[in-house]
C-alpha cells in the first residue's frame, strides 16, 4: 500500500504531518477519524478531520496536494444521499 505524508491543520493534531494510506485512486480518504482513548475507560473520543486541497506554495514542488482540516462538529452524517431519503434539516 502506498502512503503520503499529509499535513493536519487545526485541532489537537495541528502542525503534524502523518503518513496516510492512499486509496486505489491515489487519493487519501475524504474523512480521517482519529480515536482518542478515554482515561476513565469510557468510550473513546473521535476526532474528525476532512480532506481539503492544500494551499499551493510559491514554487512548483512535490508538496502534498491535500491536507486535513479539523472538523469541530464531528460527523454530520455526510454519507450516501439516496433520492428517496428524507433530508434532515
N, C-alpha and C. Protein backbone atom coordinates (compact mmCIF):
# COMPACT_ATOMS: atom_id res chain seq x y z
N UNK A 1 0.85 -1.18 0.00
CA UNK A 1 0.00 0.00 0.00
C UNK A 1 0.89 1.24 0.00
N UNK A 2 0.46 2.23 -0.76
CA UNK A 2 1.18 3.49 -0.80
C UNK A 2 0.65 4.41 0.28
N UNK A 3 1.51 5.27 0.76
CA UNK A 3 1.09 6.28 1.73
C UNK A 3 1.70 7.61 1.33
N UNK A 4 1.10 8.67 1.85
CA UNK A 4 1.57 10.02 1.56
C UNK A 4 1.61 10.81 2.86
N UNK A 5 2.69 11.54 3.09
CA UNK A 5 2.78 12.39 4.27
C UNK A 5 1.82 13.55 4.09
N UNK A 6 0.82 13.63 4.97
CA UNK A 6 -0.25 14.61 4.83
C UNK A 6 -0.28 15.51 6.06
N UNK A 7 -0.27 16.85 5.85
CA UNK A 7 -0.33 17.76 7.00
C UNK A 7 -1.74 17.86 7.57
N UNK A 8 -1.81 18.09 8.88
CA UNK A 8 -3.08 18.28 9.59
C UNK A 8 -3.14 19.72 10.09
N UNK A 9 -4.30 20.36 9.91
CA UNK A 9 -4.48 21.77 10.27
C UNK A 9 -5.62 21.87 11.27
N UNK A 10 -5.38 22.56 12.38
CA UNK A 10 -6.40 22.77 13.39
C UNK A 10 -6.55 21.58 14.33
N UNK A 11 -7.20 21.82 15.45
CA UNK A 11 -7.46 20.76 16.41
C UNK A 11 -6.20 20.28 17.12
N UNK A 12 -6.29 19.16 17.81
CA UNK A 12 -5.16 18.64 18.57
C UNK A 12 -3.97 18.20 17.71
N UNK A 13 -4.19 17.86 16.45
CA UNK A 13 -3.09 17.41 15.58
C UNK A 13 -2.52 18.54 14.73
N UNK A 14 -2.78 19.79 15.09
CA UNK A 14 -2.35 20.93 14.29
C UNK A 14 -0.83 20.94 14.11
N UNK A 15 -0.40 21.07 12.85
CA UNK A 15 1.01 21.15 12.54
C UNK A 15 1.71 19.82 12.36
N UNK A 16 1.03 18.73 12.63
CA UNK A 16 1.66 17.41 12.46
C UNK A 16 1.52 16.94 11.02
N UNK A 17 2.50 16.18 10.59
CA UNK A 17 2.46 15.55 9.27
C UNK A 17 2.50 14.05 9.50
N UNK A 18 1.43 13.37 9.09
CA UNK A 18 1.26 11.95 9.37
C UNK A 18 1.14 11.20 8.05
N UNK A 19 1.80 10.03 7.91
CA UNK A 19 1.60 9.25 6.69
C UNK A 19 0.20 8.64 6.67
N UNK A 20 -0.53 8.91 5.59
CA UNK A 20 -1.90 8.43 5.42
C UNK A 20 -1.94 7.49 4.22
N UNK A 21 -2.57 6.34 4.38
CA UNK A 21 -2.67 5.39 3.28
C UNK A 21 -3.53 5.95 2.15
N UNK A 22 -3.10 5.72 0.93
CA UNK A 22 -3.83 6.18 -0.24
C UNK A 22 -4.77 5.09 -0.73
N UNK A 23 -5.88 5.51 -1.30
CA UNK A 23 -6.84 4.57 -1.84
C UNK A 23 -6.44 4.12 -3.24
N UNK A 24 -7.30 3.35 -3.90
CA UNK A 24 -6.99 2.85 -5.24
C UNK A 24 -6.86 3.96 -6.28
N UNK A 25 -7.44 5.13 -6.02
CA UNK A 25 -7.35 6.24 -6.97
C UNK A 25 -6.11 7.10 -6.73
N UNK A 26 -5.36 6.80 -5.69
CA UNK A 26 -4.16 7.58 -5.37
C UNK A 26 -4.43 8.77 -4.47
N UNK A 27 -5.65 8.87 -3.93
CA UNK A 27 -6.01 9.97 -3.02
C UNK A 27 -6.21 9.43 -1.61
N UNK A 28 -5.93 10.26 -0.60
CA UNK A 28 -6.24 9.84 0.77
C UNK A 28 -7.76 9.89 0.99
N UNK A 29 -8.27 9.26 2.04
CA UNK A 29 -9.72 9.28 2.28
C UNK A 29 -10.24 10.68 2.53
N UNK A 30 -11.53 10.92 2.22
CA UNK A 30 -12.13 12.24 2.39
C UNK A 30 -12.26 12.62 3.86
N UNK A 31 -12.51 11.64 4.71
CA UNK A 31 -12.67 11.87 6.15
C UNK A 31 -11.68 10.99 6.88
N UNK A 32 -10.94 11.57 7.84
CA UNK A 32 -9.96 10.83 8.62
C UNK A 32 -10.40 10.91 10.08
N UNK A 33 -10.69 9.77 10.68
CA UNK A 33 -11.14 9.73 12.07
C UNK A 33 -10.02 9.21 12.95
N UNK A 34 -9.77 9.93 14.06
CA UNK A 34 -8.71 9.55 14.99
C UNK A 34 -9.36 9.25 16.34
N UNK A 35 -9.42 7.98 16.75
CA UNK A 35 -9.99 7.68 18.08
C UNK A 35 -8.97 8.00 19.17
N UNK A 36 -9.44 8.71 20.20
CA UNK A 36 -8.59 9.05 21.34
C UNK A 36 -9.16 8.34 22.56
N UNK A 37 -8.39 7.43 23.18
CA UNK A 37 -8.94 6.67 24.31
C UNK A 37 -9.25 7.58 25.50
N UNK A 38 -10.29 7.20 26.24
CA UNK A 38 -10.70 7.92 27.44
C UNK A 38 -9.88 7.43 28.62
N UNK A 39 -9.41 8.34 29.45
CA UNK A 39 -8.60 7.96 30.61
C UNK A 39 -9.40 7.17 31.64
N UNK A 40 -10.71 7.44 31.72
CA UNK A 40 -11.55 6.77 32.71
C UNK A 40 -12.04 5.42 32.22
N UNK A 41 -11.68 5.03 31.02
CA UNK A 41 -12.11 3.73 30.50
C UNK A 41 -13.43 3.77 29.76
N UNK A 42 -13.95 4.97 29.53
CA UNK A 42 -15.20 5.10 28.80
C UNK A 42 -14.99 4.96 27.30
N UNK A 43 -16.00 5.29 26.54
CA UNK A 43 -15.86 5.19 25.09
C UNK A 43 -14.87 6.24 24.57
N UNK A 44 -14.13 5.92 23.53
CA UNK A 44 -13.13 6.86 23.03
C UNK A 44 -13.77 8.07 22.36
N UNK A 45 -13.08 9.20 22.42
CA UNK A 45 -13.49 10.40 21.71
C UNK A 45 -12.92 10.30 20.30
N UNK A 46 -13.72 10.63 19.30
CA UNK A 46 -13.27 10.52 17.92
C UNK A 46 -13.08 11.93 17.35
N UNK A 47 -11.84 12.23 16.94
CA UNK A 47 -11.54 13.50 16.28
C UNK A 47 -11.75 13.31 14.79
N UNK A 48 -12.44 14.25 14.14
CA UNK A 48 -12.76 14.12 12.73
C UNK A 48 -12.02 15.21 11.95
N UNK A 49 -11.30 14.80 10.92
CA UNK A 49 -10.61 15.70 10.02
C UNK A 49 -11.13 15.47 8.61
N UNK A 50 -11.36 16.54 7.85
CA UNK A 50 -11.86 16.45 6.48
C UNK A 50 -10.76 16.86 5.50
N UNK A 51 -10.68 16.16 4.38
CA UNK A 51 -9.68 16.44 3.36
C UNK A 51 -10.05 17.70 2.59
N UNK A 52 -9.07 18.61 2.47
CA UNK A 52 -9.24 19.84 1.70
C UNK A 52 -8.00 20.01 0.82
N UNK A 53 -8.11 20.73 -0.30
CA UNK A 53 -6.92 20.95 -1.12
C UNK A 53 -5.87 21.75 -0.36
N UNK A 54 -4.62 21.38 -0.50
CA UNK A 54 -3.53 22.09 0.18
C UNK A 54 -3.28 23.42 -0.53
N UNK A 55 -2.85 24.39 0.22
CA UNK A 55 -2.53 25.70 -0.36
C UNK A 55 -1.23 25.57 -1.14
N UNK A 56 -1.23 26.07 -2.38
CA UNK A 56 0.00 25.96 -3.18
C UNK A 56 1.11 26.83 -2.62
N UNK A 57 2.33 26.36 -2.76
CA UNK A 57 3.49 27.11 -2.31
C UNK A 57 3.89 28.15 -3.35
N UNK A 58 5.01 28.83 -3.09
CA UNK A 58 5.48 29.83 -4.03
C UNK A 58 6.09 29.21 -5.28
N UNK A 59 6.69 28.04 -5.11
CA UNK A 59 7.32 27.37 -6.24
C UNK A 59 6.62 26.06 -6.52
N UNK A 60 6.77 25.60 -7.73
CA UNK A 60 6.25 24.29 -8.06
C UNK A 60 7.17 23.25 -7.41
N UNK A 61 6.61 22.43 -6.57
CA UNK A 61 7.42 21.42 -5.88
C UNK A 61 6.59 20.17 -5.68
N UNK A 62 7.18 19.19 -5.07
CA UNK A 62 6.48 17.95 -4.79
C UNK A 62 5.83 18.00 -3.41
N UNK A 63 5.12 19.07 -3.14
CA UNK A 63 4.43 19.20 -1.87
C UNK A 63 3.13 18.40 -1.94
N UNK A 64 2.58 18.04 -0.80
CA UNK A 64 1.34 17.27 -0.80
C UNK A 64 0.21 18.07 -1.46
N UNK A 65 -0.69 17.36 -2.13
CA UNK A 65 -1.81 18.00 -2.81
C UNK A 65 -2.99 18.21 -1.87
N UNK A 66 -3.00 17.50 -0.75
CA UNK A 66 -4.12 17.54 0.18
C UNK A 66 -3.63 17.83 1.59
N UNK A 67 -4.53 18.33 2.40
CA UNK A 67 -4.29 18.46 3.83
C UNK A 67 -5.60 18.16 4.53
N UNK A 68 -5.53 17.89 5.82
CA UNK A 68 -6.72 17.60 6.59
C UNK A 68 -7.00 18.76 7.53
N UNK A 69 -8.24 19.27 7.49
CA UNK A 69 -8.68 20.36 8.36
C UNK A 69 -9.58 19.77 9.44
N UNK A 70 -9.42 20.25 10.66
CA UNK A 70 -10.19 19.75 11.80
C UNK A 70 -11.64 20.16 11.66
N UNK A 71 -12.54 19.23 11.91
CA UNK A 71 -13.98 19.47 11.88
C UNK A 71 -14.49 19.36 13.30
N UNK A 72 -14.71 20.51 13.95
CA UNK A 72 -15.10 20.52 15.36
C UNK A 72 -16.48 19.91 15.58
N UNK A 73 -17.34 19.96 14.56
CA UNK A 73 -18.69 19.41 14.71
C UNK A 73 -18.71 17.90 14.62
N UNK A 74 -17.66 17.31 14.12
CA UNK A 74 -17.60 15.85 14.00
C UNK A 74 -18.38 15.35 12.81
N UNK A 75 -18.89 14.14 12.92
CA UNK A 75 -19.65 13.54 11.82
C UNK A 75 -21.00 14.21 11.70
N UNK A 76 -21.29 14.66 10.50
CA UNK A 76 -22.59 15.26 10.23
C UNK A 76 -23.46 14.33 9.41
N UNK A 77 -23.06 13.07 9.31
CA UNK A 77 -23.85 12.14 8.53
C UNK A 77 -23.73 12.40 7.04
N UNK A 78 -22.54 12.71 6.58
CA UNK A 78 -22.34 13.03 5.17
C UNK A 78 -22.20 11.78 4.32
N UNK A 79 -23.00 10.79 4.58
CA UNK A 79 -22.93 9.54 3.82
C UNK A 79 -23.65 9.65 2.49
N UNK A 80 -24.06 8.52 1.98
CA UNK A 80 -24.76 8.50 0.70
C UNK A 80 -26.12 9.17 0.82
N UNK A 81 -26.48 9.88 -0.23
CA UNK A 81 -27.78 10.55 -0.26
C UNK A 81 -28.61 9.91 -1.37
N UNK A 82 -29.59 9.16 -0.95
CA UNK A 82 -30.46 8.49 -1.91
C UNK A 82 -31.63 9.39 -2.25
N UNK A 83 -32.13 9.32 -3.48
CA UNK A 83 -33.24 10.20 -3.88
C UNK A 83 -34.50 9.99 -3.04
N UNK A 84 -34.71 8.79 -2.53
CA UNK A 84 -35.93 8.51 -1.79
C UNK A 84 -35.77 8.77 -0.29
N UNK A 85 -34.59 9.21 0.14
CA UNK A 85 -34.38 9.50 1.56
C UNK A 85 -34.88 10.89 1.91
N UNK A 86 -35.40 11.03 3.12
CA UNK A 86 -35.82 12.34 3.58
C UNK A 86 -34.60 13.13 4.02
N UNK A 87 -34.58 14.40 3.69
CA UNK A 87 -33.46 15.24 4.11
C UNK A 87 -33.69 15.69 5.55
N UNK A 88 -32.61 15.76 6.32
CA UNK A 88 -32.70 16.20 7.70
C UNK A 88 -32.31 17.67 7.76
N UNK A 89 -33.12 18.50 8.42
CA UNK A 89 -32.81 19.95 8.49
C UNK A 89 -31.65 20.27 9.36
